PDB file of N, CA and C in Angstrom:
ATOM      1  N   MET A   1     -10.778   8.940   6.370  1.00  0.00           N
ATOM      2  CA  MET A   1      -9.232   9.091   6.510  1.00  0.00           C
ATOM      3  C   MET A   1      -8.522   8.727   5.316  1.00  0.00           C
ATOM      4  N   THR A   2      -7.549   9.535   4.983  1.00  0.00           N
ATOM      5  CA  THR A   2      -6.813   9.567   3.720  1.00  0.00           C
ATOM      6  C   THR A   2      -5.487   8.663   3.965  1.00  0.00           C
ATOM      7  N   VAL A   3      -4.845   8.423   2.867  1.00  0.00           N
ATOM      8  CA  VAL A   3      -3.411   7.713   2.976  1.00  0.00           C
ATOM      9  C   VAL A   3      -2.484   8.710   3.714  1.00  0.00           C
ATOM     10  N   ALA A   4      -2.650  10.019   3.369  1.00  0.00           N
ATOM     11  CA  ALA A   4      -1.699  10.972   4.228  1.00  0.00           C
ATOM     12  C   ALA A   4      -1.797  10.876   5.776  1.00  0.00           C
ATOM     13  N   ASP A   5      -2.990  10.582   6.244  1.00  0.00           N
ATOM     14  CA  ASP A   5      -3.336  10.373   7.598  1.00  0.00           C
ATOM     15  C   ASP A   5      -2.594   9.160   8.236  1.00  0.00           C
ATOM     16  N   VAL A   6      -2.730   8.105   7.257  1.00  0.00           N
ATOM     17  CA  VAL A   6      -2.178   6.743   7.711  1.00  0.00           C
ATOM     18  C   VAL A   6      -0.647   7.066   7.697  1.00  0.00           C
ATOM     19  N   VAL A   7      -0.026   7.676   6.700  1.00  0.00           N
ATOM     20  CA  VAL A   7       1.354   7.852   6.790  1.00  0.00           C
ATOM     21  C   VAL A   7       1.831   8.521   8.048  1.00  0.00           C
ATOM     22  N   LYS A   8       0.984   9.642   8.309  1.00  0.00           N
ATOM     23  CA  LYS A   8       1.600  10.497   9.500  1.00  0.00           C
ATOM     24  C   LYS A   8       1.479   9.781  10.913  1.00  0.00           C
ATOM     25  N   VAL A   9       0.300   9.204  10.912  1.00  0.00           N
ATOM     26  CA  VAL A   9       0.043   8.392  12.207  1.00  0.00           C
ATOM     27  C   VAL A   9       0.889   7.156  12.377  1.00  0.00           C
ATOM     28  N   LEU A  10       1.115   6.380  11.327  1.00  0.00           N
ATOM     29  CA  LEU A  10       1.948   5.186  11.452  1.00  0.00           C
ATOM     30  C   LEU A  10       3.455   5.346  11.241  1.00  0.00           C
ATOM     31  N   GLY A  11       3.864   6.742  10.753  1.00  0.00           N
ATOM     32  CA  GLY A  11       5.307   6.920  10.608  1.00  0.00           C
ATOM     33  C   GLY A  11       5.869   6.342   9.309  1.00  0.00           C
ATOM     34  N   LEU A  12       4.969   6.146   8.216  1.00  0.00           N
ATOM     35  CA  LEU A  12       5.505   5.459   7.184  1.00  0.00           C
ATOM     36  C   LEU A  12       6.323   6.183   6.103  1.00  0.00           C
ATOM     37  N   GLU A  13       7.203   5.707   5.382  1.00  0.00           N
ATOM     38  CA  GLU A  13       7.991   6.389   4.400  1.00  0.00           C
ATOM     39  C   GLU A  13       7.205   6.312   3.105  1.00  0.00           C
ATOM     40  N   VAL A  14       7.161   7.533   2.484  1.00  0.00           N
ATOM     41  CA  VAL A  14       6.494   7.604   1.175  1.00  0.00           C
ATOM     42  C   VAL A  14       7.659   7.347   0.112  1.00  0.00           C
ATOM     43  N   PHE A  15       7.540   6.385  -0.701  1.00  0.00           N
ATOM     44  CA  PHE A  15       8.426   5.979  -1.636  1.00  0.00           C
ATOM     45  C   PHE A  15       8.076   6.746  -2.925  1.00  0.00           C
ATOM     46  N   SER A  16       7.000   6.601  -3.334  1.00  0.00           N
ATOM     47  CA  SER A  16       6.454   7.243  -4.684  1.00  0.00           C
ATOM     48  C   SER A  16       4.829   7.310  -4.585  1.00  0.00           C
ATOM     49  N   GLY A  17       4.370   7.923  -5.702  1.00  0.00           N
ATOM     50  CA  GLY A  17       2.986   8.099  -5.767  1.00  0.00           C
ATOM     51  C   GLY A  17       2.406   9.209  -4.705  1.00  0.00           C
ATOM     52  N   ALA A  18       3.236  10.178  -4.465  1.00  0.00           N
ATOM     53  CA  ALA A  18       2.881  11.198  -3.395  1.00  0.00           C
ATOM     54  C   ALA A  18       1.635  11.855  -3.932  1.00  0.00           C
ATOM     55  N   GLU A  19       1.291  12.000  -5.177  1.00  0.00           N
ATOM     56  CA  GLU A  19       0.282  12.802  -5.616  1.00  0.00           C
ATOM     57  C   GLU A  19      -1.054  12.046  -5.316  1.00  0.00           C
ATOM     58  N   GLY A  20      -0.864  10.779  -4.924  1.00  0.00           N
ATOM     59  CA  GLY A  20      -2.382  10.009  -4.466  1.00  0.00           C
ATOM     60  C   GLY A  20      -2.422   9.980  -2.930  1.00  0.00           C
ATOM     61  N   LEU A  21      -1.635  10.871  -2.081  1.00  0.00           N
ATOM     62  CA  LEU A  21      -1.810  10.805  -0.793  1.00  0.00           C
ATOM     63  C   LEU A  21      -3.010  11.171  -0.176  1.00  0.00           C
ATOM     64  N   ASP A  22      -3.961  11.799  -1.084  1.00  0.00           N
ATOM     65  CA  ASP A  22      -5.270  12.299  -0.676  1.00  0.00           C
ATOM     66  C   ASP A  22      -6.303  11.398  -1.042  1.00  0.00           C
ATOM     67  N   ARG A  23      -5.737  10.154  -1.315  1.00  0.00           N
ATOM     68  CA  ARG A  23      -6.969   9.051  -1.502  1.00  0.00           C
ATOM     69  C   ARG A  23      -7.626   8.635  -0.354  1.00  0.00           C
ATOM     70  N   ASP A  24      -8.964   8.288  -0.231  1.00  0.00           N
ATOM     71  CA  ASP A  24      -9.383   7.546   0.867  1.00  0.00           C
ATOM     72  C   ASP A  24      -9.142   6.372   1.102  1.00  0.00           C
ATOM     73  N   VAL A  25      -9.057   5.984   2.477  1.00  0.00           N
ATOM     74  CA  VAL A  25      -8.705   4.645   2.996  1.00  0.00           C
ATOM     75  C   VAL A  25     -10.058   4.078   3.519  1.00  0.00           C
ATOM     76  N   THR A  26     -10.578   2.872   2.953  1.00  0.00           N
ATOM     77  CA  THR A  26     -11.700   2.297   3.493  1.00  0.00           C
ATOM     78  C   THR A  26     -11.438   1.084   4.159  1.00  0.00           C
ATOM     79  N   GLY A  27     -10.216   0.344   4.045  1.00  0.00           N
ATOM     80  CA  GLY A  27      -9.855  -0.966   4.627  1.00  0.00           C
ATOM     81  C   GLY A  27      -8.400  -1.193   4.341  1.00  0.00           C
ATOM     82  N   GLY A  28      -8.300  -2.603   4.509  1.00  0.00           N
ATOM     83  CA  GLY A  28      -6.819  -3.012   4.318  1.00  0.00           C
ATOM     84  C   GLY A  28      -6.979  -4.425   3.934  1.00  0.00           C
ATOM     85  N   TYR A  29      -5.921  -4.880   3.102  1.00  0.00           N
ATOM     86  CA  TYR A  29      -5.876  -6.319   2.729  1.00  0.00           C
ATOM     87  C   TYR A  29      -4.379  -6.714   2.807  1.00  0.00           C
ATOM     88  N   VAL A  30      -4.167  -7.887   3.427  1.00  0.00           N
ATOM     89  CA  VAL A  30      -2.742  -8.478   3.498  1.00  0.00           C
ATOM     90  C   VAL A  30      -2.657  -9.704   2.879  1.00  0.00           C
ATOM     91  N   SER A  31      -1.677  -9.644   1.843  1.00  0.00           N
ATOM     92  CA  SER A  31      -1.325 -10.970   1.151  1.00  0.00           C
ATOM     93  C   SER A  31      -0.227 -10.528   0.228  1.00  0.00           C
ATOM     94  N   ASP A  32       0.667 -11.818  -0.017  1.00  0.00           N
ATOM     95  CA  ASP A  32       1.950 -11.662  -0.923  1.00  0.00           C
ATOM     96  C   ASP A  32       1.446 -12.409  -2.094  1.00  0.00           C
ATOM     97  N   LEU A  33       0.287 -12.972  -2.265  1.00  0.00           N
ATOM     98  CA  LEU A  33      -0.085 -13.822  -3.357  1.00  0.00           C
ATOM     99  C   LEU A  33      -0.914 -12.786  -4.369  1.00  0.00           C
ATOM    100  N   LEU A  34      -0.618 -12.418  -5.555  1.00  0.00           N
ATOM    101  CA  LEU A  34      -1.074 -11.336  -6.284  1.00  0.00           C
ATOM    102  C   LEU A  34      -2.638 -11.863  -6.667  1.00  0.00           C
ATOM    103  N   SER A  35      -2.654 -13.260  -7.127  1.00  0.00           N
ATOM    104  CA  SER A  35      -4.031 -13.601  -7.451  1.00  0.00           C
ATOM    105  C   SER A  35      -4.995 -13.463  -6.275  1.00  0.00           C
ATOM    106  N   ASP A  36      -4.505 -13.626  -5.161  1.00  0.00           N
ATOM    107  CA  ASP A  36      -5.524 -13.477  -3.784  1.00  0.00           C
ATOM    108  C   ASP A  36      -5.993 -12.031  -3.871  1.00  0.00           C
ATOM    109  N   VAL A  37      -5.028 -11.077  -3.965  1.00  0.00           N
ATOM    110  CA  VAL A  37      -5.438  -9.736  -3.898  1.00  0.00           C
ATOM    111  C   VAL A  37      -6.359  -9.337  -4.951  1.00  0.00           C
ATOM    112  N   MET A  38      -6.132  -9.742  -6.245  1.00  0.00           N
ATOM    113  CA  MET A  38      -6.865  -9.450  -7.295  1.00  0.00           C
ATOM    114  C   MET A  38      -8.143 -10.068  -7.045  1.00  0.00           C
ATOM    115  N   GLY A  39      -8.636 -11.087  -6.417  1.00  0.00           N
ATOM    116  CA  GLY A  39      -9.801 -11.695  -6.251  1.00  0.00           C
ATOM    117  C   GLY A  39     -10.415 -11.194  -4.950  1.00  0.00           C
ATOM    118  N   ASN A  40      -9.665 -10.633  -4.020  1.00  0.00           N
ATOM    119  CA  ASN A  40     -10.306 -10.445  -2.700  1.00  0.00           C
ATOM    120  C   ASN A  40     -10.346  -8.964  -2.128  1.00  0.00           C
ATOM    121  N   ALA A  41      -9.205  -8.280  -2.640  1.00  0.00           N
ATOM    122  CA  ALA A  41      -9.212  -6.847  -2.092  1.00  0.00           C
ATOM    123  C   ALA A  41     -10.255  -5.990  -2.695  1.00  0.00           C
ATOM    124  N   ASP A  42     -10.523  -4.902  -1.880  1.00  0.00           N
ATOM    125  CA  ASP A  42     -11.769  -4.087  -2.354  1.00  0.00           C
ATOM    126  C   ASP A  42     -11.022  -2.680  -2.527  1.00  0.00           C
ATOM    127  N   ALA A  43     -11.770  -1.944  -3.434  1.00  0.00           N
ATOM    128  CA  ALA A  43     -11.192  -0.640  -3.765  1.00  0.00           C
ATOM    129  C   ALA A  43     -11.295   0.323  -2.559  1.00  0.00           C
ATOM    130  N   GLY A  44     -10.184   1.144  -2.417  1.00  0.00           N
ATOM    131  CA  GLY A  44     -10.119   1.785  -1.231  1.00  0.00           C
ATOM    132  C   GLY A  44      -9.089   1.143  -0.164  1.00  0.00           C
ATOM    133  N   ASP A  45      -8.922  -0.169  -0.276  1.00  0.00           N
ATOM    134  CA  ASP A  45      -7.989  -0.755   0.646  1.00  0.00           C
ATOM    135  C   ASP A  45      -6.587  -0.315   0.426  1.00  0.00           C
ATOM    136  N   ILE A  46      -5.884  -0.284   1.743  1.00  0.00           N
ATOM    137  CA  ILE A  46      -4.454  -0.417   1.746  1.00  0.00           C
ATOM    138  C   ILE A  46      -3.892  -1.976   1.694  1.00  0.00           C
ATOM    139  N   TRP A  47      -3.042  -2.255   0.722  1.00  0.00           N
ATOM    140  CA  TRP A  47      -2.585  -3.384   0.569  1.00  0.00           C
ATOM    141  C   TRP A  47      -1.075  -3.625   1.164  1.00  0.00           C
ATOM    142  N   ILE A  48      -0.950  -4.660   2.132  1.00  0.00           N
ATOM    143  CA  ILE A  48       0.236  -4.797   2.850  1.00  0.00           C
ATOM    144  C   ILE A  48       0.779  -6.006   2.434  1.00  0.00           C
ATOM    145  N   THR A  49       2.155  -5.838   1.807  1.00  0.00           N
ATOM    146  CA  THR A  49       2.830  -6.983   1.209  1.00  0.00           C
ATOM    147  C   THR A  49       4.391  -6.730   1.432  1.00  0.00           C
ATOM    148  N   LEU A  50       5.114  -7.796   0.925  1.00  0.00           N
ATOM    149  CA  LEU A  50       6.571  -7.650   0.843  1.00  0.00           C
ATOM    150  C   LEU A  50       6.986  -7.654  -0.614  1.00  0.00           C
ATOM    151  N   GLN A  51       5.987  -7.871  -1.616  1.00  0.00           N
ATOM    152  CA  GLN A  51       6.295  -7.849  -2.844  1.00  0.00           C
ATOM    153  C   GLN A  51       6.543  -6.490  -3.471  1.00  0.00           C
ATOM    154  N   THR A  52       7.664  -6.533  -4.283  1.00  0.00           N
ATOM    155  CA  THR A  52       8.252  -5.154  -4.636  1.00  0.00           C
ATOM    156  C   THR A  52       8.317  -4.913  -6.076  1.00  0.00           C
ATOM    157  N   HIS A  53       7.975  -5.907  -6.850  1.00  0.00           N
ATOM    158  CA  HIS A  53       7.954  -5.850  -8.457  1.00  0.00           C
ATOM    159  C   HIS A  53       6.852  -4.945  -9.026  1.00  0.00           C
ATOM    160  N   LYS A  54       6.915  -4.750 -10.423  1.00  0.00           N
ATOM    161  CA  LYS A  54       6.019  -3.978 -10.991  1.00  0.00           C
ATOM    162  C   LYS A  54       4.415  -4.587 -11.058  1.00  0.00           C
ATOM    163  N   ASN A  55       4.386  -5.732 -11.087  1.00  0.00           N
ATOM    164  CA  ASN A  55       3.037  -6.393 -10.958  1.00  0.00           C
ATOM    165  C   ASN A  55       2.153  -5.907  -9.866  1.00  0.00           C
ATOM    166  N   VAL A  56       2.902  -5.562  -8.799  1.00  0.00           N
ATOM    167  CA  VAL A  56       2.078  -4.936  -7.526  1.00  0.00           C
ATOM    168  C   VAL A  56       1.275  -3.716  -8.162  1.00  0.00           C
ATOM    169  N   MET A  57       1.931  -2.818  -8.906  1.00  0.00           N
ATOM    170  CA  MET A  57       1.031  -1.690  -9.336  1.00  0.00           C
ATOM    171  C   MET A  57       0.050  -2.082 -10.235  1.00  0.00           C
ATOM    172  N   ALA A  58       0.086  -3.060 -11.087  1.00  0.00           N
ATOM    173  CA  ALA A  58      -0.875  -3.604 -12.023  1.00  0.00           C
ATOM    174  C   ALA A  58      -2.071  -4.044 -11.145  1.00  0.00           C
ATOM    175  N   ILE A  59      -1.989  -4.671 -10.109  1.00  0.00           N
ATOM    176  CA  ILE A  59      -3.044  -5.238  -9.213  1.00  0.00           C
ATOM    177  C   ILE A  59      -3.563  -3.986  -8.550  1.00  0.00           C
ATOM    178  N   ALA A  60      -2.726  -3.097  -8.032  1.00  0.00           N
ATOM    179  CA  ALA A  60      -3.174  -1.918  -7.214  1.00  0.00           C
ATOM    180  C   ALA A  60      -4.096  -1.046  -8.058  1.00  0.00           C
ATOM    181  N   SER A  61      -3.573  -0.796  -9.432  1.00  0.00           N
ATOM    182  CA  SER A  61      -4.449  -0.089 -10.320  1.00  0.00           C
ATOM    183  C   SER A  61      -5.679  -0.746 -10.643  1.00  0.00           C
ATOM    184  N   LEU A  62      -5.650  -2.029 -10.919  1.00  0.00           N
ATOM    185  CA  LEU A  62      -6.875  -2.843 -11.401  1.00  0.00           C
ATOM    186  C   LEU A  62      -7.841  -2.755 -10.250  1.00  0.00           C
ATOM    187  N   LYS A  63      -7.504  -2.853  -8.926  1.00  0.00           N
ATOM    188  CA  LYS A  63      -8.408  -2.844  -7.924  1.00  0.00           C
ATOM    189  C   LYS A  63      -8.818  -1.608  -7.200  1.00  0.00           C
ATOM    190  N   ASP A  64      -8.039  -0.539  -7.711  1.00  0.00           N
ATOM    191  CA  ASP A  64      -8.375   0.818  -7.340  1.00  0.00           C
ATOM    192  C   ASP A  64      -7.931   0.829  -5.918  1.00  0.00           C
ATOM    193  N   LEU A  65      -6.886   0.344  -5.490  1.00  0.00           N
ATOM    194  CA  LEU A  65      -6.402   0.383  -4.047  1.00  0.00           C
ATOM    195  C   LEU A  65      -5.963   1.688  -3.849  1.00  0.00           C
ATOM    196  N   ALA A  66      -6.037   2.136  -2.393  1.00  0.00           N
ATOM    197  CA  ALA A  66      -5.663   3.273  -1.722  1.00  0.00           C
ATOM    198  C   ALA A  66      -4.228   3.641  -1.864  1.00  0.00           C
ATOM    199  N   ALA A  67      -3.452   2.375  -1.514  1.00  0.00           N
ATOM    200  CA  ALA A  67      -2.003   2.553  -1.404  1.00  0.00           C
ATOM    201  C   ALA A  67      -1.518   1.263  -1.178  1.00  0.00           C
ATOM    202  N   VAL A  68      -0.113   0.989  -1.112  1.00  0.00           N
ATOM    203  CA  VAL A  68       0.564  -0.128  -0.851  1.00  0.00           C
ATOM    204  C   VAL A  68       1.585   0.028   0.094  1.00  0.00           C
ATOM    205  N   ILE A  69       1.659  -0.818   1.178  1.00  0.00           N
ATOM    206  CA  ILE A  69       2.655  -0.727   2.144  1.00  0.00           C
ATOM    207  C   ILE A  69       3.660  -1.963   2.207  1.00  0.00           C
ATOM    208  N   LEU A  70       4.892  -1.521   1.905  1.00  0.00           N
ATOM    209  CA  LEU A  70       6.002  -2.740   1.931  1.00  0.00           C
ATOM    210  C   LEU A  70       6.434  -2.756   3.345  1.00  0.00           C
ATOM    211  N   VAL A  71       6.647  -3.937   3.610  1.00  0.00           N
ATOM    212  CA  VAL A  71       7.075  -4.288   5.064  1.00  0.00           C
ATOM    213  C   VAL A  71       8.439  -4.673   5.210  1.00  0.00           C
ATOM    214  N   SER A  72       8.893  -4.679   6.502  1.00  0.00           N
ATOM    215  CA  SER A  72      10.187  -5.165   6.763  1.00  0.00           C
ATOM    216  C   SER A  72      11.291  -4.573   6.034  1.00  0.00           C
ATOM    217  N   GLY A  73      11.235  -3.331   5.871  1.00  0.00           N
ATOM    218  CA  GLY A  73      12.341  -2.429   5.130  1.00  0.00           C
ATOM    219  C   GLY A  73      12.535  -2.821   3.678  1.00  0.00           C
ATOM    220  N   HIS A  74      11.500  -3.389   3.161  1.00  0.00           N
ATOM    221  CA  HIS A  74      11.447  -3.649   1.509  1.00  0.00           C
ATOM    222  C   HIS A  74      11.319  -2.402   0.811  1.00  0.00           C
ATOM    223  N   GLU A  75      11.874  -2.022  -0.197  1.00  0.00           N
ATOM    224  CA  GLU A  75      11.707  -0.950  -1.031  1.00  0.00           C
ATOM    225  C   GLU A  75      11.418  -1.190  -2.454  1.00  0.00           C
ATOM    226  N   PRO A  76      10.451  -0.469  -3.119  1.00  0.00           N
ATOM    227  CA  PRO A  76       9.980  -0.793  -4.508  1.00  0.00           C
ATOM    228  C   PRO A  76      11.052  -0.889  -5.571  1.00  0.00           C
ATOM    229  N   ASP A  77      10.993  -1.711  -6.419  1.00  0.00           N
ATOM    230  CA  ASP A  77      11.769  -1.670  -7.655  1.00  0.00           C
ATOM    231  C   ASP A  77      11.640  -0.427  -8.362  1.00  0.00           C
ATOM    232  N   ASP A  78      12.645   0.051  -9.114  1.00  0.00           N
ATOM    233  CA  ASP A  78      12.490   1.116  -9.852  1.00  0.00           C
ATOM    234  C   ASP A  78      11.259   1.428 -10.703  1.00  0.00           C
ATOM    235  N   ASN A  79      11.066   0.294 -11.362  1.00  0.00           N
ATOM    236  CA  ASN A  79       9.828   0.372 -12.313  1.00  0.00           C
ATOM    237  C   ASN A  79       8.483   0.357 -11.569  1.00  0.00           C
ATOM    238  N   THR A  80       8.429  -0.101 -10.383  1.00  0.00           N
ATOM    239  CA  THR A  80       7.335  -0.051  -9.562  1.00  0.00           C
ATOM    240  C   THR A  80       7.090   1.342  -9.041  1.00  0.00           C
ATOM    241  N   ALA A  81       8.195   1.867  -8.653  1.00  0.00           N
ATOM    242  CA  ALA A  81       8.095   3.368  -8.111  1.00  0.00           C
ATOM    243  C   ALA A  81       7.609   4.270  -9.369  1.00  0.00           C
ATOM    244  N   GLN A  82       8.107   3.937 -10.529  1.00  0.00           N
ATOM    245  CA  GLN A  82       7.884   4.836 -11.642  1.00  0.00           C
ATOM    246  C   GLN A  82       6.248   4.715 -12.051  1.00  0.00           C
ATOM    247  N   GLN A  83       5.681   3.446 -12.088  1.00  0.00           N
ATOM    248  CA  GLN A  83       4.442   3.044 -12.464  1.00  0.00           C
ATOM    249  C   GLN A  83       3.433   3.827 -10.998  1.00  0.00           C
ATOM    250  N   SER A  84       4.027   3.713  -9.942  1.00  0.00           N
ATOM    251  CA  SER A  84       3.159   4.177  -8.775  1.00  0.00           C
ATOM    252  C   SER A  84       3.053   5.724  -9.053  1.00  0.00           C
ATOM    253  N   ASP A  85       4.009   6.446  -9.418  1.00  0.00           N
ATOM    254  CA  ASP A  85       4.059   7.770  -9.925  1.00  0.00           C
ATOM    255  C   ASP A  85       2.922   8.159 -10.843  1.00  0.00           C
ATOM    256  N   GLU A  86       2.987   7.277 -11.920  1.00  0.00           N
ATOM    257  CA  GLU A  86       2.063   7.336 -12.967  1.00  0.00           C
ATOM    258  C   GLU A  86       0.650   7.095 -12.728  1.00  0.00           C
ATOM    259  N   GLU A  87       0.378   6.111 -11.765  1.00  0.00           N
ATOM    260  CA  GLU A  87      -0.908   5.786 -11.263  1.00  0.00           C
ATOM    261  C   GLU A  87      -1.482   6.622 -10.125  1.00  0.00           C
ATOM    262  N   ASN A  88      -0.658   7.494  -9.573  1.00  0.00           N
ATOM    263  CA  ASN A  88      -0.876   8.200  -8.358  1.00  0.00           C
ATOM    264  C   ASN A  88      -1.441   7.280  -7.158  1.00  0.00           C
ATOM    265  N   ILE A  89      -0.735   6.201  -7.175  1.00  0.00           N
ATOM    266  CA  ILE A  89      -1.097   5.156  -5.987  1.00  0.00           C
ATOM    267  C   ILE A  89       0.171   5.047  -5.173  1.00  0.00           C
ATOM    268  N   PRO A  90       0.081   5.487  -3.896  1.00  0.00           N
ATOM    269  CA  PRO A  90       1.237   5.659  -3.171  1.00  0.00           C
ATOM    270  C   PRO A  90       1.996   4.210  -2.785  1.00  0.00           C
ATOM    271  N   VAL A  91       3.128   4.079  -2.899  1.00  0.00           N
ATOM    272  CA  VAL A  91       3.882   2.960  -2.324  1.00  0.00           C
ATOM    273  C   VAL A  91       4.583   3.530  -1.179  1.00  0.00           C
ATOM    274  N   LEU A  92       4.200   2.866  -0.113  1.00  0.00           N
ATOM    275  CA  LEU A  92       4.735   3.286   1.373  1.00  0.00           C
ATOM    276  C   LEU A  92       5.641   2.340   1.881  1.00  0.00           C
ATOM    277  N   GLY A  93       6.448   2.496   2.850  1.00  0.00           N
ATOM    278  CA  GLY A  93       7.388   1.592   3.460  1.00  0.00           C
ATOM    279  C   GLY A  93       7.407   1.639   4.918  1.00  0.00           C
ATOM    280  N   THR A  94       7.729   0.658   5.578  1.00  0.00           N
ATOM    281  CA  THR A  94       7.993   0.439   6.948  1.00  0.00           C
ATOM    282  C   THR A  94       8.970  -0.519   7.320  1.00  0.00           C
ATOM    283  N   SER A  95       9.688  -0.412   8.415  1.00  0.00           N
ATOM    284  CA  SER A  95      10.613  -1.425   8.974  1.00  0.00           C
ATOM    285  C   SER A  95       9.683  -2.494   9.734  1.00  0.00           C
ATOM    286  N   MET A  96       8.490  -2.235   9.965  1.00  0.00           N
ATOM    287  CA  MET A  96       7.734  -3.194  10.921  1.00  0.00           C
ATOM    288  C   MET A  96       7.430  -4.298  10.024  1.00  0.00           C
ATOM    289  N   SER A  97       7.158  -5.394  10.769  1.00  0.00           N
ATOM    290  CA  SER A  97       6.795  -6.647  10.225  1.00  0.00           C
ATOM    291  C   SER A  97       5.460  -6.807   9.645  1.00  0.00           C
ATOM    292  N   THR A  98       4.926  -7.427   8.952  1.00  0.00           N
ATOM    293  CA  THR A  98       3.634  -7.499   8.572  1.00  0.00           C
ATOM    294  C   THR A  98       2.741  -7.625   9.588  1.00  0.00           C
ATOM    295  N   PHE A  99       3.021  -8.530  10.531  1.00  0.00           N
ATOM    296  CA  PHE A  99       2.022  -8.649  11.788  1.00  0.00           C
ATOM    297  C   PHE A  99       1.889  -7.355  12.362  1.00  0.00           C
ATOM    298  N   GLU A 100       3.024  -6.571  12.541  1.00  0.00           N
ATOM    299  CA  GLU A 100       2.908  -5.375  13.556  1.00  0.00           C
ATOM    300  C   GLU A 100       2.156  -4.289  12.709  1.00  0.00           C
ATOM    301  N   ILE A 101       2.554  -3.950  11.439  1.00  0.00           N
ATOM    302  CA  ILE A 101       1.911  -2.955  10.726  1.00  0.00           C
ATOM    303  C   ILE A 101       0.214  -3.243  10.443  1.00  0.00           C
ATOM    304  N   THR A 102       0.025  -4.740  10.234  1.00  0.00           N
ATOM    305  CA  THR A 102      -1.385  -4.852  10.049  1.00  0.00           C
ATOM    306  C   THR A 102      -2.172  -4.477  11.258  1.00  0.00           C
ATOM    307  N   GLY A 103      -1.857  -4.866  12.568  1.00  0.00           N
ATOM    308  CA  GLY A 103      -2.430  -4.719  13.715  1.00  0.00           C
ATOM    309  C   GLY A 103      -2.539  -3.026  13.882  1.00  0.00           C
ATOM    310  N   LYS A 104      -1.469  -2.375  13.649  1.00  0.00           N
ATOM    311  CA  LYS A 104      -1.570  -0.912  13.815  1.00  0.00           C
ATOM    312  C   LYS A 104      -2.562  -0.306  12.816  1.00  0.00           C
ATOM    313  N   LEU A 105      -2.638  -0.819  11.687  1.00  0.00           N
ATOM    314  CA  LEU A 105      -3.443  -0.170  10.625  1.00  0.00           C
ATOM    315  C   LEU A 105      -4.927  -0.491  10.884  1.00  0.00           C
ATOM    316  N   TYR A 106      -5.128  -1.766  11.427  1.00  0.00           N
ATOM    317  CA  TYR A 106      -6.466  -2.112  11.776  1.00  0.00           C
ATOM    318  C   TYR A 106      -7.067  -1.463  13.056  1.00  0.00           C
ATOM    319  N   GLU A 107      -6.144  -0.992  13.871  1.00  0.00           N
ATOM    320  CA  GLU A 107      -6.639  -0.107  15.074  1.00  0.00           C
ATOM    321  C   GLU A 107      -6.843   1.133  14.631  1.00  0.00           C
ATOM    322  N   LEU A 108      -6.230   1.704  13.573  1.00  0.00           N
ATOM    323  CA  LEU A 108      -6.452   3.142  13.157  1.00  0.00           C
ATOM    324  C   LEU A 108      -7.681   3.150  12.448  1.00  0.00           C
ATOM    325  N   ILE A 109      -8.092   2.254  11.591  1.00  0.00           N
ATOM    326  CA  ILE A 109      -9.287   2.350  10.631  1.00  0.00           C
ATOM    327  C   ILE A 109     -10.589   1.637  11.042  1.00  0.00           C
ATOM    328  N   LYS A 110     -10.444   0.767  12.099  1.00  0.00           N
ATOM    329  CA  LYS A 110     -11.691  -0.009  12.505  1.00  0.00           C
ATOM    330  C   LYS A 110     -12.850   0.780  12.860  1.00  0.00           C
TER     331      LYS A 110
END
């Protein structure tokens, strides 16, 4: 499954990094603590968070994550979106809560 498939099925908004929509998704990780994601997320995961600052992209790139989903209507900071475009790691958005989008993503990729 690709990030584009996830976007389509879950009705997500693509804020930036559209060149990376063909990335393969192998799992998911949920945390708002950057050090937790850095220590525990796996390459190919979609990271679900409410963090919107540029450091999100540093972690996403370091861990080779497939994409980042921002929850509850949050939008990326301008420099986050710019870094997303440069790294080709999509930043996606939803108005759903963390709980709701996590359950939907789990059901989709399990």
